Amino acid sequence: MREFVYGTQKQYDMLKDLLEEGNCEVYRCTLPSSFSRSSCRLGFEKCNTLYKVFIDKGITCNLPLAADHPLKTLLANGELAFVDYSDIKELMNSLKPYFNCV
């Protein structure tokens, strides 16, 4: 996930292009020590008008996140849907403070 937390705009644009072409993109990602595992699979897909993010199920974390933080839903359900693609980048950027201490 670190790879997306620190992703560049160009990388996010490339991912969006792949999703717009109908691809489902899956990446092996590094997690900080506050997660129950050191790595995970992180997937992205565009389904009709929604952009979906997927993560391996069963991962937990002890990050001090607000009750309504999207990461909590992503970990609990294994997936999260967004109407706007930019919300994916916003979610990833919100995790930067947690990756500074890896």
C-alpha atoms as a PDB file:
ATOM      1  CA  MET A   1       0.000   0.000   0.000  1.00  0.00           C
ATOM      2  CA  ARG A   2       3.018   2.219   0.590  1.00  0.00           C
ATOM      3  CA  GLU A   3       3.441   2.264  -3.184  1.00  0.00           C
ATOM      4  CA  PHE A   4       0.072   3.983  -3.568  1.00  0.00           C
ATOM      5  CA  VAL A   5       0.345   6.197  -0.512  1.00  0.00           C
ATOM      6  CA  TYR A   6       3.410   7.805  -2.115  1.00  0.00           C
ATOM      7  CA  GLY A   7       2.246   7.432  -5.720  1.00  0.00           C
ATOM      8  CA  THR A   8       2.716  10.310  -8.149  1.00  0.00           C
ATOM      9  CA  GLN A   9      -0.049  11.969 -10.134  1.00  0.00           C
ATOM     10  CA  LYS A  10       1.389  10.349 -13.271  1.00  0.00           C
ATOM     11  CA  GLN A  11       1.109   6.901 -11.669  1.00  0.00           C
ATOM     12  CA  TYR A  12      -2.485   7.572 -10.624  1.00  0.00           C
ATOM     13  CA  ASP A  13      -3.295   8.786 -14.146  1.00  0.00           C
ATOM     14  CA  MET A  14      -1.816   5.585 -15.608  1.00  0.00           C
ATOM     15  CA  LEU A  15      -3.868   3.458 -13.213  1.00  0.00           C
ATOM     16  CA  LYS A  16      -7.037   5.338 -14.122  1.00  0.00           C
ATOM     17  CA  ASP A  17      -6.340   4.774 -17.833  1.00  0.00           C
ATOM     18  CA  LEU A  18      -5.959   1.029 -17.217  1.00  0.00           C
ATOM     19  CA  LEU A  19      -9.233   0.936 -15.286  1.00  0.00           C
ATOM     20  CA  GLU A  20     -11.044   2.922 -17.975  1.00  0.00           C
ATOM     21  CA  GLU A  21      -9.943   0.233 -20.457  1.00  0.00           C
ATOM     22  CA  GLY A  22     -11.754  -2.359 -18.350  1.00  0.00           C
ATOM     23  CA  ASN A  23      -8.715  -3.835 -16.638  1.00  0.00           C
ATOM     24  CA  CYS A  24      -8.703  -5.139 -13.084  1.00  0.00           C
ATOM     25  CA  GLU A  25      -5.298  -4.258 -11.653  1.00  0.00           C
ATOM     26  CA  VAL A  26      -3.858  -6.178  -8.698  1.00  0.00           C
ATOM     27  CA  TYR A  27      -0.617  -5.306  -6.907  1.00  0.00           C
ATOM     28  CA  ARG A  28       1.399  -6.832  -4.077  1.00  0.00           C
ATOM     29  CA  CYS A  29       1.883  -4.020  -1.560  1.00  0.00           C
ATOM     30  CA  THR A  30       3.812  -3.351   1.638  1.00  0.00           C
ATOM     31  CA  LEU A  31       1.934  -2.514   4.848  1.00  0.00           C
ATOM     32  CA  PRO A  32       3.256  -0.669   7.905  1.00  0.00           C
ATOM     33  CA  SER A  33       3.933  -2.525  11.142  1.00  0.00           C
ATOM     34  CA  SER A  34       0.595  -1.389  12.580  1.00  0.00           C
ATOM     35  CA  PHE A  35      -1.140  -3.910  10.269  1.00  0.00           C
ATOM     36  CA  SER A  36      -1.519  -7.599  11.090  1.00  0.00           C
ATOM     37  CA  ARG A  37       0.450  -8.548   7.963  1.00  0.00           C
ATOM     38  CA  SER A  38       3.494  -7.033   6.305  1.00  0.00           C
ATOM     39  CA  SER A  39       2.066  -7.216   2.785  1.00  0.00           C
ATOM     40  CA  CYS A  40      -1.195  -7.623   0.924  1.00  0.00           C
ATOM     41  CA  ARG A  41      -2.773  -7.731  -2.489  1.00  0.00           C
ATOM     42  CA  LEU A  42      -4.442  -4.465  -3.406  1.00  0.00           C
ATOM     43  CA  GLY A  43      -6.771  -4.410  -6.404  1.00  0.00           C
ATOM     44  CA  PHE A  44      -8.511  -1.735  -8.418  1.00  0.00           C
ATOM     45  CA  GLU A  45     -11.401  -2.002 -10.858  1.00  0.00           C
ATOM     46  CA  LYS A  46     -13.977   0.174 -12.557  1.00  0.00           C
ATOM     47  CA  CYS A  47     -17.449  -1.366 -12.378  1.00  0.00           C
ATOM     48  CA  ASN A  48     -19.986   0.629 -14.371  1.00  0.00           C
ATOM     49  CA  THR A  49     -19.741   4.085 -12.795  1.00  0.00           C
ATOM     50  CA  LEU A  50     -17.966   3.013  -9.591  1.00  0.00           C
ATOM     51  CA  TYR A  51     -14.273   2.657  -8.886  1.00  0.00           C
ATOM     52  CA  LYS A  52     -13.541  -0.224  -6.521  1.00  0.00           C
ATOM     53  CA  VAL A  53     -10.588  -0.924  -4.291  1.00  0.00           C
ATOM     54  CA  PHE A  54     -10.017  -4.466  -3.008  1.00  0.00           C
ATOM     55  CA  ILE A  55      -7.700  -5.752  -0.274  1.00  0.00           C
ATOM     56  CA  ASP A  56      -7.035  -9.234   1.086  1.00  0.00           C
ATOM     57  CA  LYS A  57      -9.579 -10.132   3.745  1.00  0.00           C
ATOM     58  CA  GLY A  58      -8.580 -10.787   7.325  1.00  0.00           C
ATOM     59  CA  ILE A  59      -6.135  -7.900   7.639  1.00  0.00           C
ATOM     60  CA  THR A  60      -6.488  -5.784  10.747  1.00  0.00           C
ATOM     61  CA  CYS A  61      -4.702  -2.699  11.972  1.00  0.00           C
ATOM     62  CA  ASN A  62      -4.354  -0.722  15.155  1.00  0.00           C
ATOM     63  CA  LEU A  63      -4.123   2.711  13.551  1.00  0.00           C
ATOM     64  CA  PRO A  64      -5.896   5.493  15.439  1.00  0.00           C
ATOM     65  CA  LEU A  65      -8.433   6.230  12.688  1.00  0.00           C
ATOM     66  CA  ALA A  66     -11.750   8.031  12.987  1.00  0.00           C
ATOM     67  CA  ALA A  67     -14.746   5.708  13.193  1.00  0.00           C
ATOM     68  CA  ASP A  68     -15.891   6.721   9.706  1.00  0.00           C
ATOM     69  CA  HIS A  69     -12.451   6.477   8.034  1.00  0.00           C
ATOM     70  CA  PRO A  70     -12.755   4.563   4.729  1.00  0.00           C
ATOM     71  CA  LEU A  71      -9.800   2.320   5.605  1.00  0.00           C
ATOM     72  CA  LYS A  72     -11.869   0.729   8.366  1.00  0.00           C
ATOM     73  CA  THR A  73     -14.578  -0.182   5.833  1.00  0.00           C
ATOM     74  CA  LEU A  74     -12.002  -1.427   3.323  1.00  0.00           C
ATOM     75  CA  LEU A  75     -10.401  -3.753   5.867  1.00  0.00           C
ATOM     76  CA  ALA A  76     -13.727  -4.956   7.281  1.00  0.00           C
ATOM     77  CA  ASN A  77     -15.349  -5.703   3.912  1.00  0.00           C
ATOM     78  CA  GLY A  78     -12.345  -6.380   1.697  1.00  0.00           C
ATOM     79  CA  GLU A  79     -13.591  -3.781  -0.756  1.00  0.00           C
ATOM     80  CA  LEU A  80     -14.653  -0.182  -1.012  1.00  0.00           C
ATOM     81  CA  ALA A  81     -16.430   1.647  -3.842  1.00  0.00           C
ATOM     82  CA  PHE A  82     -16.031   5.276  -4.880  1.00  0.00           C
ATOM     83  CA  VAL A  83     -18.066   7.383  -7.293  1.00  0.00           C
ATOM     84  CA  ASP A  84     -15.079   9.609  -8.071  1.00  0.00           C
ATOM     85  CA  TYR A  85     -11.652   8.200  -8.950  1.00  0.00           C
ATOM     86  CA  SER A  86      -9.908  11.025  -7.072  1.00  0.00           C
ATOM     87  CA  ASP A  87     -11.333   9.605  -3.826  1.00  0.00           C
ATOM     88  CA  ILE A  88      -8.963   6.634  -4.172  1.00  0.00           C
ATOM     89  CA  LYS A  89      -5.961   8.950  -4.158  1.00  0.00           C
ATOM     90  CA  GLU A  90      -7.466  10.905  -1.256  1.00  0.00           C
ATOM     91  CA  LEU A  91      -7.811   7.682   0.766  1.00  0.00           C
ATOM     92  CA  MET A  92      -4.218   6.679   0.057  1.00  0.00           C
ATOM     93  CA  ASN A  93      -2.879  10.150   0.820  1.00  0.00           C
ATOM     94  CA  SER A  94      -4.702  10.133   4.166  1.00  0.00           C
ATOM     95  CA  LEU A  95      -2.477   7.220   5.213  1.00  0.00           C
ATOM     96  CA  LYS A  96       0.878   9.015   4.716  1.00  0.00           C
ATOM     97  CA  PRO A  97       1.449   9.703   8.437  1.00  0.00           C
ATOM     98  CA  TYR A  98       1.227   5.963   9.155  1.00  0.00           C
ATOM     99  CA  PHE A  99       3.824   5.041   6.553  1.00  0.00           C
ATOM    100  CA  ASN A 100       6.468   7.491   7.833  1.00  0.00           C
ATOM    101  CA  CYS A 101       7.326   5.067  10.629  1.00  0.00           C
ATOM    102  CA  VAL A 102       7.660   1.827   8.650  1.00  0.00           C
END
